[in-house]
């Protein structure tokens, strides 16, 4: 994910300032980069149309109600780009780059939105979510597989059913759960666990074993893993978005579902289930070190 984000940052540099030798970038290029980055909508890269549009066209097509990139995202892009130039300047055969002269001293404008803190799920919202049609019965749509907000009699235990439960009872990220295979659910020291591993993990420290919660067992999660064997638990999920994540389309559909059943709140999203699970562990007396082992956070970095 970090590599993909860095590639996106360099791609923005090239699309805004041009693809040219490192030594030919100027402070005017950096100023143009800063101005354009501040105007880019926060949904940049999520639409297939953006791939064939210039950055200026994307900016011009931004709807008034669509927010621009937050200060946290802007800082990530800027740090990726300047970090890349810093690495380039240390390579043989590359002229010394005056990084401070080119990139130094810039500040984001006053209108740049702050990064907003993610909310945890409150109890009434959780109760309403899991009492909704995906888990109690929905009316199937003839063409839209994800269209499950209408009450009915059908319950299908696929990704729409399992992913929110996995996030809440394991504190795992959406893409981590989406990439699980049947063989990743195994017994370790006599305890059923999920083995999160592979190139899709956010950091090296994210590889871990997480116990399978008894609630997941009661709902039939081990049977799902047994049927999957060496295949992914959720084979109908396909990669998408600028990072080509399996969770891309599901995340959009989960947002749509929450709106339709009336539990949508800004900054209370799928990842907030992981936040809620972490908070529940800490409030329940689980030590921070154990909570970090379960969530895949690096305690040493704190």
C-alpha atoms as a PDB file:
ATOM      1  CA  UNK A   1       0.000   0.000   0.000  1.00  0.00           C
ATOM      2  CA  UNK A   2       2.839   2.373   0.831  1.00  0.00           C
ATOM      3  CA  UNK A   3       4.470   1.655  -2.536  1.00  0.00           C
ATOM      4  CA  UNK A   4       1.186   2.291  -4.344  1.00  0.00           C
ATOM      5  CA  UNK A   5       0.685   5.568  -2.472  1.00  0.00           C
ATOM      6  CA  UNK A   6       4.216   6.674  -3.343  1.00  0.00           C
ATOM      7  CA  UNK A   7       3.633   5.826  -6.999  1.00  0.00           C
ATOM      8  CA  UNK A   8       0.448   7.902  -6.937  1.00  0.00           C
ATOM      9  CA  UNK A   9       2.381  10.854  -5.514  1.00  0.00           C
ATOM     10  CA  UNK A  10       5.078  10.653  -8.203  1.00  0.00           C
ATOM     11  CA  UNK A  11       2.375  10.224 -10.844  1.00  0.00           C
ATOM     12  CA  UNK A  12       0.772  13.470  -9.651  1.00  0.00           C
ATOM     13  CA  UNK A  13       4.146  15.228  -9.887  1.00  0.00           C
ATOM     14  CA  UNK A  14       4.577  14.041 -13.491  1.00  0.00           C
ATOM     15  CA  UNK A  15       1.008  14.882 -14.500  1.00  0.00           C
ATOM     16  CA  UNK A  16       1.246  18.370 -13.034  1.00  0.00           C
ATOM     17  CA  UNK A  17       4.853  19.353 -13.741  1.00  0.00           C
ATOM     18  CA  UNK A  18       5.880  17.009 -16.542  1.00  0.00           C
ATOM     19  CA  UNK A  19       8.209  14.009 -16.813  1.00  0.00           C
ATOM     20  CA  UNK A  20      11.735  15.382 -17.098  1.00  0.00           C
ATOM     21  CA  UNK A  21      15.249  14.982 -15.678  1.00  0.00           C
ATOM     22  CA  UNK A  22      15.368  15.626 -11.897  1.00  0.00           C
ATOM     23  CA  UNK A  23      17.833  18.503 -12.225  1.00  0.00           C
ATOM     24  CA  UNK A  24      15.453  20.465 -14.474  1.00  0.00           C
ATOM     25  CA  UNK A  25      12.636  20.808 -11.914  1.00  0.00           C
ATOM     26  CA  UNK A  26      12.398  24.363 -10.608  1.00  0.00           C
ATOM     27  CA  UNK A  27      10.800  26.254  -7.769  1.00  0.00           C
ATOM     28  CA  UNK A  28       8.088  27.337 -10.204  1.00  0.00           C
ATOM     29  CA  UNK A  29       7.322  23.651 -10.728  1.00  0.00           C
ATOM     30  CA  UNK A  30       7.048  23.166  -6.974  1.00  0.00           C
ATOM     31  CA  UNK A  31       4.745  26.190  -6.700  1.00  0.00           C
ATOM     32  CA  UNK A  32       2.521  24.819  -9.489  1.00  0.00           C
ATOM     33  CA  UNK A  33       2.501  21.440  -7.777  1.00  0.00           C
ATOM     34  CA  UNK A  34       1.400  23.006  -4.481  1.00  0.00           C
ATOM     35  CA  UNK A  35      -1.392  25.027  -6.120  1.00  0.00           C
ATOM     36  CA  UNK A  36      -2.785  22.063  -8.057  1.00  0.00           C
ATOM     37  CA  UNK A  37      -2.613  19.648  -5.128  1.00  0.00           C
ATOM     38  CA  UNK A  38      -4.677  22.047  -3.022  1.00  0.00           C
ATOM     39  CA  UNK A  39      -7.462  22.028  -5.626  1.00  0.00           C
ATOM     40  CA  UNK A  40      -7.687  18.275  -6.270  1.00  0.00           C
ATOM     41  CA  UNK A  41     -10.950  16.681  -5.035  1.00  0.00           C
ATOM     42  CA  UNK A  42     -10.673  14.098  -2.277  1.00  0.00           C
ATOM     43  CA  UNK A  43     -12.218  11.459  -4.550  1.00  0.00           C
ATOM     44  CA  UNK A  44      -9.366  11.758  -7.052  1.00  0.00           C
ATOM     45  CA  UNK A  45      -8.480   8.409  -8.593  1.00  0.00           C
ATOM     46  CA  UNK A  46     -11.672   6.647  -7.542  1.00  0.00           C
ATOM     47  CA  UNK A  47     -13.404   7.146 -10.887  1.00  0.00           C
ATOM     48  CA  UNK A  48     -12.147   5.362 -14.033  1.00  0.00           C
ATOM     49  CA  UNK A  49     -12.673   8.676 -15.874  1.00  0.00           C
ATOM     50  CA  UNK A  50      -9.814  10.243 -13.925  1.00  0.00           C
ATOM     51  CA  UNK A  51      -7.295   8.017 -15.735  1.00  0.00           C
ATOM     52  CA  UNK A  52      -8.036   9.681 -19.054  1.00  0.00           C
ATOM     53  CA  UNK A  53      -8.462  13.220 -17.691  1.00  0.00           C
ATOM     54  CA  UNK A  54      -5.746  15.768 -17.019  1.00  0.00           C
ATOM     55  CA  UNK A  55      -5.394  16.995 -13.458  1.00  0.00           C
ATOM     56  CA  UNK A  56      -6.799  20.370 -14.537  1.00  0.00           C
ATOM     57  CA  UNK A  57      -9.832  18.620 -16.048  1.00  0.00           C
ATOM     58  CA  UNK A  58     -10.385  16.693 -12.813  1.00  0.00           C
ATOM     59  CA  UNK A  59     -10.188  19.945 -10.841  1.00  0.00           C
ATOM     60  CA  UNK A  60     -12.589  21.706 -13.230  1.00  0.00           C
ATOM     61  CA  UNK A  61     -15.099  18.843 -12.945  1.00  0.00           C
ATOM     62  CA  UNK A  62     -15.097  18.907  -9.134  1.00  0.00           C
ATOM     63  CA  UNK A  63     -18.554  19.492  -7.711  1.00  0.00           C
ATOM     64  CA  UNK A  64     -18.884  22.410  -5.251  1.00  0.00           C
ATOM     65  CA  UNK A  65     -19.921  20.078  -2.421  1.00  0.00           C
ATOM     66  CA  UNK A  66     -16.913  17.778  -2.929  1.00  0.00           C
ATOM     67  CA  UNK A  67     -14.081  18.425  -0.498  1.00  0.00           C
ATOM     68  CA  UNK A  68     -10.469  18.852  -1.570  1.00  0.00           C
ATOM     69  CA  UNK A  69      -7.577  16.770  -0.257  1.00  0.00           C
ATOM     70  CA  UNK A  70      -7.040  17.078   3.485  1.00  0.00           C
ATOM     71  CA  UNK A  71      -3.844  18.449   4.977  1.00  0.00           C
ATOM     72  CA  UNK A  72      -2.830  14.915   5.994  1.00  0.00           C
ATOM     73  CA  UNK A  73      -3.112  13.614   2.428  1.00  0.00           C
ATOM     74  CA  UNK A  74      -1.348  16.683   1.030  1.00  0.00           C
ATOM     75  CA  UNK A  75       1.519  16.224   3.482  1.00  0.00           C
ATOM     76  CA  UNK A  76       1.807  12.570   2.477  1.00  0.00           C
ATOM     77  CA  UNK A  77       2.047  13.470  -1.220  1.00  0.00           C
ATOM     78  CA  UNK A  78       4.554  16.260  -0.536  1.00  0.00           C
ATOM     79  CA  UNK A  79       6.713  14.081   1.709  1.00  0.00           C
ATOM     80  CA  UNK A  80       6.704  11.239  -0.835  1.00  0.00           C
ATOM     81  CA  UNK A  81       7.802  13.560  -3.631  1.00  0.00           C
ATOM     82  CA  UNK A  82      10.494  15.391  -1.661  1.00  0.00           C
ATOM     83  CA  UNK A  83      11.688  12.087  -0.173  1.00  0.00           C
ATOM     84  CA  UNK A  84      12.076  10.700  -3.685  1.00  0.00           C
ATOM     85  CA  UNK A  85      14.115  13.721  -4.781  1.00  0.00           C
ATOM     86  CA  UNK A  86      16.231  13.382  -1.644  1.00  0.00           C
ATOM     87  CA  UNK A  87      16.957   9.763  -2.579  1.00  0.00           C
ATOM     88  CA  UNK A  88      17.725  10.757  -6.173  1.00  0.00           C
ATOM     89  CA  UNK A  89      20.232  13.394  -5.060  1.00  0.00           C
ATOM     90  CA  UNK A  90      22.281  10.693  -3.323  1.00  0.00           C
ATOM     91  CA  UNK A  91      22.641   8.570  -6.472  1.00  0.00           C
ATOM     92  CA  UNK A  92      25.758   8.530  -8.627  1.00  0.00           C
ATOM     93  CA  UNK A  93      25.335  10.309 -11.943  1.00  0.00           C
ATOM     94  CA  UNK A  94      22.589  12.630 -10.690  1.00  0.00           C
ATOM     95  CA  UNK A  95      23.545  16.298 -10.311  1.00  0.00           C
ATOM     96  CA  UNK A  96      23.255  17.653  -6.782  1.00  0.00           C
ATOM     97  CA  UNK A  97      19.667  18.828  -6.276  1.00  0.00           C
ATOM     98  CA  UNK A  98      19.052  21.955  -4.220  1.00  0.00           C
ATOM     99  CA  UNK A  99      15.996  20.570  -2.465  1.00  0.00           C
ATOM    100  CA  UNK A 100      15.478  23.461  -0.077  1.00  0.00           C
ATOM    101  CA  UNK A 101      15.627  25.972  -2.924  1.00  0.00           C
ATOM    102  CA  UNK A 102      13.057  24.007  -4.939  1.00  0.00           C
ATOM    103  CA  UNK A 103      10.709  22.674  -2.278  1.00  0.00           C
ATOM    104  CA  UNK A 104      11.513  24.593   0.895  1.00  0.00           C
ATOM    105  CA  UNK A 105       9.275  27.125   2.649  1.00  0.00           C
ATOM    106  CA  UNK A 106       5.918  26.218   1.086  1.00  0.00           C
ATOM    107  CA  UNK A 107       2.777  26.247   3.226  1.00  0.00           C
ATOM    108  CA  UNK A 108      -0.694  24.972   2.458  1.00  0.00           C
ATOM    109  CA  UNK A 109      -3.405  27.576   2.029  1.00  0.00           C
ATOM    110  CA  UNK A 110      -5.842  28.524   4.779  1.00  0.00           C
ATOM    111  CA  UNK A 111      -8.736  26.815   2.967  1.00  0.00           C
ATOM    112  CA  UNK A 112      -7.153  23.356   3.019  1.00  0.00           C
ATOM    113  CA  UNK A 113      -9.373  21.107   5.183  1.00  0.00           C
ATOM    114  CA  UNK A 114      -7.896  19.548   8.296  1.00  0.00           C
ATOM    115  CA  UNK A 115      -7.666  15.788   8.576  1.00  0.00           C
ATOM    116  CA  UNK A 116     -10.789  14.680  10.403  1.00  0.00           C
ATOM    117  CA  UNK A 117     -10.579  12.107  13.166  1.00  0.00           C
ATOM    118  CA  UNK A 118     -12.356   8.826  12.469  1.00  0.00           C
ATOM    119  CA  UNK A 119     -15.310   8.087  14.761  1.00  0.00           C
ATOM    120  CA  UNK A 120     -15.909   4.806  16.549  1.00  0.00           C
ATOM    121  CA  UNK A 121     -19.237   3.060  16.041  1.00  0.00           C
ATOM    122  CA  UNK A 122     -21.671   3.829  18.854  1.00  0.00           C
ATOM    123  CA  UNK A 123     -23.778   1.001  20.278  1.00  0.00           C
ATOM    124  CA  UNK A 124     -27.139   2.093  18.763  1.00  0.00           C
ATOM    125  CA  UNK A 125     -25.547   2.286  15.297  1.00  0.00           C
ATOM    126  CA  UNK A 126     -24.004  -1.179  15.671  1.00  0.00           C
ATOM    127  CA  UNK A 127     -27.328  -2.599  16.815  1.00  0.00           C
ATOM    128  CA  UNK A 128     -29.115  -1.033  13.866  1.00  0.00           C
ATOM    129  CA  UNK A 129     -26.468  -2.241  11.414  1.00  0.00           C
ATOM    130  CA  UNK A 130     -26.600  -5.893  12.445  1.00  0.00           C
ATOM    131  CA  UNK A 131     -30.394  -5.842  12.723  1.00  0.00           C
ATOM    132  CA  UNK A 132     -30.584  -4.739   9.067  1.00  0.00           C
ATOM    133  CA  UNK A 133     -31.492  -6.939   6.031  1.00  0.00           C
ATOM    134  CA  UNK A 134     -28.006  -8.331   5.259  1.00  0.00           C
ATOM    135  CA  UNK A 135     -28.095 -10.199   8.583  1.00  0.00           C
ATOM    136  CA  UNK A 136     -31.851 -10.641   9.080  1.00  0.00           C
ATOM    137  CA  UNK A 137     -33.045 -11.230   5.515  1.00  0.00           C
ATOM    138  CA  UNK A 138     -33.118  -9.162   2.323  1.00  0.00           C
ATOM    139  CA  UNK A 139     -35.032  -9.053  -0.943  1.00  0.00           C
ATOM    140  CA  UNK A 140     -32.705  -9.925  -3.803  1.00  0.00           C
ATOM    141  CA  UNK A 141     -32.227  -7.508  -6.680  1.00  0.00           C
ATOM    142  CA  UNK A 142     -32.310  -9.079 -10.178  1.00  0.00           C
ATOM    143  CA  UNK A 143     -28.974  -7.537 -11.267  1.00  0.00           C
ATOM    144  CA  UNK A 144     -27.265  -5.771  -8.342  1.00  0.00           C
ATOM    145  CA  UNK A 145     -25.672  -8.364  -6.077  1.00  0.00           C
ATOM    146  CA  UNK A 146     -24.818  -5.769  -3.439  1.00  0.00           C
ATOM    147  CA  UNK A 147     -28.349  -4.334  -3.323  1.00  0.00           C
ATOM    148  CA  UNK A 148     -29.471  -5.786   0.027  1.00  0.00           C
ATOM    149  CA  UNK A 149     -31.150  -2.994   1.964  1.00  0.00           C
ATOM    150  CA  UNK A 150     -34.738  -4.098   1.252  1.00  0.00           C
ATOM    151  CA  UNK A 151     -36.178  -6.528   3.860  1.00  0.00           C
ATOM    152  CA  UNK A 152     -36.873 -10.035   2.659  1.00  0.00           C
ATOM    153  CA  UNK A 153     -36.118 -13.662   3.410  1.00  0.00           C
ATOM    154  CA  UNK A 154     -32.689 -14.191   1.793  1.00  0.00           C
ATOM    155  CA  UNK A 155     -29.477 -14.389   3.829  1.00  0.00           C
ATOM    156  CA  UNK A 156     -26.250 -15.032   1.906  1.00  0.00           C
ATOM    157  CA  UNK A 157     -23.092 -15.482   3.959  1.00  0.00           C
ATOM    158  CA  UNK A 158     -20.613 -13.895   1.569  1.00  0.00           C
ATOM    159  CA  UNK A 159     -18.382 -10.817   1.959  1.00  0.00           C
ATOM    160  CA  UNK A 160     -21.332  -8.509   2.635  1.00  0.00           C
ATOM    161  CA  UNK A 161     -22.308 -10.671   5.594  1.00  0.00           C
ATOM    162  CA  UNK A 162     -18.861 -11.497   6.963  1.00  0.00           C
ATOM    163  CA  UNK A 163     -16.575  -8.490   6.482  1.00  0.00           C
ATOM    164  CA  UNK A 164     -18.164  -6.141   9.066  1.00  0.00           C
ATOM    165  CA  UNK A 165     -18.291  -9.017  11.561  1.00  0.00           C
ATOM    166  CA  UNK A 166     -14.640  -9.891  10.947  1.00  0.00           C
ATOM    167  CA  UNK A 167     -13.597  -6.269  11.432  1.00  0.00           C
ATOM    168  CA  UNK A 168     -15.563  -5.958  14.665  1.00  0.00           C
ATOM    169  CA  UNK A 169     -14.426  -9.268  16.160  1.00  0.00           C
ATOM    170  CA  UNK A 170     -10.810  -9.275  14.977  1.00  0.00           C
ATOM    171  CA  UNK A 171      -9.933  -5.554  14.546  1.00  0.00           C
ATOM    172  CA  UNK A 172      -8.597  -6.429  11.083  1.00  0.00           C
ATOM    173  CA  UNK A 173      -8.477  -4.092   8.095  1.00  0.00           C
ATOM    174  CA  UNK A 174     -10.953  -4.619   5.280  1.00  0.00           C
ATOM    175  CA  UNK A 175      -8.326  -5.615   2.713  1.00  0.00           C
ATOM    176  CA  UNK A 176      -6.703  -8.018   5.165  1.00  0.00           C
ATOM    177  CA  UNK A 177     -10.009  -9.856   5.577  1.00  0.00           C
ATOM    178  CA  UNK A 178     -10.768  -9.744   1.853  1.00  0.00           C
ATOM    179  CA  UNK A 179      -7.486 -11.532   1.057  1.00  0.00           C
ATOM    180  CA  UNK A 180      -7.962 -14.409   3.501  1.00  0.00           C
ATOM    181  CA  UNK A 181      -7.972 -17.935   2.081  1.00  0.00           C
ATOM    182  CA  UNK A 182      -9.367 -21.026   3.725  1.00  0.00           C
ATOM    183  CA  UNK A 183      -5.847 -22.146   4.608  1.00  0.00           C
ATOM    184  CA  UNK A 184      -5.252 -18.891   6.455  1.00  0.00           C
ATOM    185  CA  UNK A 185      -7.779 -20.061   9.064  1.00  0.00           C
ATOM    186  CA  UNK A 186      -5.934 -22.678  11.078  1.00  0.00           C
ATOM    187  CA  UNK A 187      -5.211 -23.989  14.539  1.00  0.00           C
ATOM    188  CA  UNK A 188      -2.166 -22.564  16.274  1.00  0.00           C
ATOM    189  CA  UNK A 189      -1.293 -23.995  19.688  1.00  0.00           C
ATOM    190  CA  UNK A 190      -4.770 -25.501  19.811  1.00  0.00           C
ATOM    191  CA  UNK A 191      -6.526 -22.191  19.126  1.00  0.00           C
ATOM    192  CA  UNK A 192      -8.332 -21.357  15.886  1.00  0.00           C
ATOM    193  CA  UNK A 193      -6.765 -18.274  14.364  1.00  0.00           C
ATOM    194  CA  UNK A 194      -6.616 -16.178  11.199  1.00  0.00           C
ATOM    195  CA  UNK A 195      -3.172 -15.727   9.669  1.00  0.00           C
ATOM    196  CA  UNK A 196      -2.878 -12.297   8.076  1.00  0.00           C
ATOM    197  CA  UNK A 197       0.095 -12.248   5.702  1.00  0.00           C
ATOM    198  CA  UNK A 198       1.085 -11.363   2.164  1.00  0.00           C
ATOM    199  CA  UNK A 199       2.045  -8.389   0.016  1.00  0.00           C
ATOM    200  CA  UNK A 200      -1.287  -6.630   0.559  1.00  0.00           C
ATOM    201  CA  UNK A 201      -0.516  -5.904   4.230  1.00  0.00           C
ATOM    202  CA  UNK A 202      -0.030  -2.274   5.162  1.00  0.00           C
ATOM    203  CA  UNK A 203       3.278  -2.790   7.006  1.00  0.00           C
ATOM    204  CA  UNK A 204       5.684  -5.636   7.772  1.00  0.00           C
ATOM    205  CA  UNK A 205       4.412  -5.604  11.365  1.00  0.00           C
ATOM    206  CA  UNK A 206       0.914  -6.341  10.101  1.00  0.00           C
ATOM    207  CA  UNK A 207       1.683 -10.044   9.642  1.00  0.00           C
ATOM    208  CA  UNK A 208       0.096 -11.775  12.590  1.00  0.00           C
ATOM    209  CA  UNK A 209      -2.165 -14.513  13.949  1.00  0.00           C
ATOM    210  CA  UNK A 210      -5.490 -13.343  15.389  1.00  0.00           C
ATOM    211  CA  UNK A 211      -7.746 -15.723  17.367  1.00  0.00           C
ATOM    212  CA  UNK A 212     -11.125 -16.482  15.800  1.00  0.00           C
ATOM    213  CA  UNK A 213     -13.776 -15.044  18.125  1.00  0.00           C
ATOM    214  CA  UNK A 214     -16.375 -17.498  19.468  1.00  0.00           C
ATOM    215  CA  UNK A 215     -19.167 -15.415  17.897  1.00  0.00           C
ATOM    216  CA  UNK A 216     -17.628 -15.942  14.457  1.00  0.00           C
ATOM    217  CA  UNK A 217     -17.431 -19.678  15.118  1.00  0.00           C
ATOM    218  CA  UNK A 218     -21.100 -19.798  16.144  1.00  0.00           C
ATOM    219  CA  UNK A 219     -22.047 -18.073  12.883  1.00  0.00           C
ATOM    220  CA  UNK A 220     -20.210 -20.691  10.817  1.00  0.00           C
ATOM    221  CA  UNK A 221     -16.926 -18.987   9.949  1.00  0.00           C
ATOM    222  CA  UNK A 222     -14.889 -22.192  10.270  1.00  0.00           C
ATOM    223  CA  UNK A 223     -17.220 -23.938   7.820  1.00  0.00           C
ATOM    224  CA  UNK A 224     -16.693 -21.074   5.358  1.00  0.00           C
ATOM    225  CA  UNK A 225     -12.925 -21.553   5.621  1.00  0.00           C
ATOM    226  CA  UNK A 226     -13.198 -25.326   5.215  1.00  0.00           C
ATOM    227  CA  UNK A 227     -15.251 -24.976   2.022  1.00  0.00           C
ATOM    228  CA  UNK A 228     -12.816 -22.407   0.583  1.00  0.00           C
ATOM    229  CA  UNK A 229      -9.738 -24.591   1.008  1.00  0.00           C
ATOM    230  CA  UNK A 230      -6.801 -22.893  -0.715  1.00  0.00           C
ATOM    231  CA  UNK A 231      -9.027 -20.331  -2.418  1.00  0.00           C
ATOM    232  CA  UNK A 232     -10.018 -16.917  -1.087  1.00  0.00           C
ATOM    233  CA  UNK A 233     -12.951 -16.844   1.310  1.00  0.00           C
ATOM    234  CA  UNK A 234     -14.630 -14.208  -0.842  1.00  0.00           C
ATOM    235  CA  UNK A 235     -13.789 -15.082  -4.461  1.00  0.00           C
ATOM    236  CA  UNK A 236     -16.246 -12.632  -6.017  1.00  0.00           C
ATOM    237  CA  UNK A 237     -14.314  -9.618  -4.740  1.00  0.00           C
ATOM    238  CA  UNK A 238     -12.183  -8.030  -7.479  1.00  0.00           C
ATOM    239  CA  UNK A 239      -9.451  -5.372  -7.191  1.00  0.00           C
ATOM    240  CA  UNK A 240     -10.178  -1.765  -8.031  1.00  0.00           C
ATOM    241  CA  UNK A 241      -9.277   1.849  -7.364  1.00  0.00           C
ATOM    242  CA  UNK A 242      -5.911   3.545  -7.618  1.00  0.00           C
ATOM    243  CA  UNK A 243      -4.337   1.041  -5.179  1.00  0.00           C
ATOM    244  CA  UNK A 244      -6.011  -2.004  -6.812  1.00  0.00           C
ATOM    245  CA  UNK A 245      -7.382  -3.250  -3.508  1.00  0.00           C
ATOM    246  CA  UNK A 246      -9.887  -6.069  -3.208  1.00  0.00           C
ATOM    247  CA  UNK A 247     -11.806  -3.909  -0.743  1.00  0.00           C
ATOM    248  CA  UNK A 248     -12.284  -0.975  -3.141  1.00  0.00           C
ATOM    249  CA  UNK A 249     -15.725  -1.715  -4.584  1.00  0.00           C
ATOM    250  CA  UNK A 250     -16.957  -3.259  -1.351  1.00  0.00           C
ATOM    251  CA  UNK A 251     -16.104  -0.054   0.562  1.00  0.00           C
ATOM    252  CA  UNK A 252     -18.206   1.993  -1.856  1.00  0.00           C
ATOM    253  CA  UNK A 253     -21.087  -0.475  -1.588  1.00  0.00           C
ATOM    254  CA  UNK A 254     -20.894  -0.551   2.223  1.00  0.00           C
ATOM    255  CA  UNK A 255     -21.170   3.243   2.255  1.00  0.00           C
ATOM    256  CA  UNK A 256     -24.222   3.062  -0.028  1.00  0.00           C
ATOM    257  CA  UNK A 257     -25.773   0.377   2.193  1.00  0.00           C
ATOM    258  CA  UNK A 258     -25.269   2.431   5.358  1.00  0.00           C
ATOM    259  CA  UNK A 259     -26.956   5.402   3.734  1.00  0.00           C
ATOM    260  CA  UNK A 260     -29.935   3.295   2.678  1.00  0.00           C
ATOM    261  CA  UNK A 261     -30.519   1.744   6.104  1.00  0.00           C
ATOM    262  CA  UNK A 262     -29.991   5.037   7.940  1.00  0.00           C
ATOM    263  CA  UNK A 263     -26.765   4.438   9.877  1.00  0.00           C
ATOM    264  CA  UNK A 264     -24.463   6.624   7.786  1.00  0.00           C
ATOM    265  CA  UNK A 265     -22.381   9.140   9.732  1.00  0.00           C
ATOM    266  CA  UNK A 266     -19.452  11.082   8.365  1.00  0.00           C
ATOM    267  CA  UNK A 267     -16.129   9.611   9.554  1.00  0.00           C
ATOM    268  CA  UNK A 268     -17.893   6.500  10.926  1.00  0.00           C
ATOM    269  CA  UNK A 269     -17.006   4.020   8.197  1.00  0.00           C
ATOM    270  CA  UNK A 270     -15.846   0.423   7.785  1.00  0.00           C
ATOM    271  CA  UNK A 271     -12.428   1.147   9.275  1.00  0.00           C
ATOM    272  CA  UNK A 272     -14.221   2.553  12.318  1.00  0.00           C
ATOM    273  CA  UNK A 273     -15.248  -1.032  13.158  1.00  0.00           C
ATOM    274  CA  UNK A 274     -11.545  -1.776  13.634  1.00  0.00           C
ATOM    275  CA  UNK A 275     -11.248   1.352  15.790  1.00  0.00           C
ATOM    276  CA  UNK A 276     -14.254   0.230  17.851  1.00  0.00           C
ATOM    277  CA  UNK A 277     -12.760  -3.230  18.351  1.00  0.00           C
ATOM    278  CA  UNK A 278      -9.472  -1.738  19.513  1.00  0.00           C
ATOM    279  CA  UNK A 279     -11.256   0.593  21.944  1.00  0.00           C
ATOM    280  CA  UNK A 280     -13.301  -2.311  23.303  1.00  0.00           C
ATOM    281  CA  UNK A 281     -10.132  -4.285  23.984  1.00  0.00           C
ATOM    282  CA  UNK A 282      -8.465  -1.404  25.828  1.00  0.00           C
ATOM    283  CA  UNK A 283     -11.600  -0.610  27.844  1.00  0.00           C
ATOM    284  CA  UNK A 284     -11.929  -4.318  28.648  1.00  0.00           C
ATOM    285  CA  UNK A 285      -8.513  -4.369  30.273  1.00  0.00           C
ATOM    286  CA  UNK A 286      -6.451  -5.849  27.425  1.00  0.00           C
ATOM    287  CA  UNK A 287      -2.887  -4.554  27.594  1.00  0.00           C
ATOM    288  CA  UNK A 288      -1.731  -2.186  24.882  1.00  0.00           C
ATOM    289  CA  UNK A 289       0.982  -4.642  23.803  1.00  0.00           C
ATOM    290  CA  UNK A 290      -1.539  -7.438  23.230  1.00  0.00           C
ATOM    291  CA  UNK A 291      -3.960  -5.078  21.483  1.00  0.00           C
ATOM    292  CA  UNK A 292      -1.138  -4.000  19.166  1.00  0.00           C
ATOM    293  CA  UNK A 293      -0.293  -7.653  18.423  1.00  0.00           C
ATOM    294  CA  UNK A 294      -3.918  -8.300  17.460  1.00  0.00           C
ATOM    295  CA  UNK A 295      -4.309  -5.161  15.332  1.00  0.00           C
ATOM    296  CA  UNK A 296      -0.860  -5.357  13.715  1.00  0.00           C
ATOM    297  CA  UNK A 297       0.445  -2.083  15.119  1.00  0.00           C
ATOM    298  CA  UNK A 298       4.118  -1.657  15.932  1.00  0.00           C
ATOM    299  CA  UNK A 299       4.297  -0.999  19.676  1.00  0.00           C
ATOM    300  CA  UNK A 300       7.999  -0.159  19.437  1.00  0.00           C
ATOM    301  CA  UNK A 301       7.157   2.806  17.214  1.00  0.00           C
ATOM    302  CA  UNK A 302       4.960   4.432  19.824  1.00  0.00           C
END
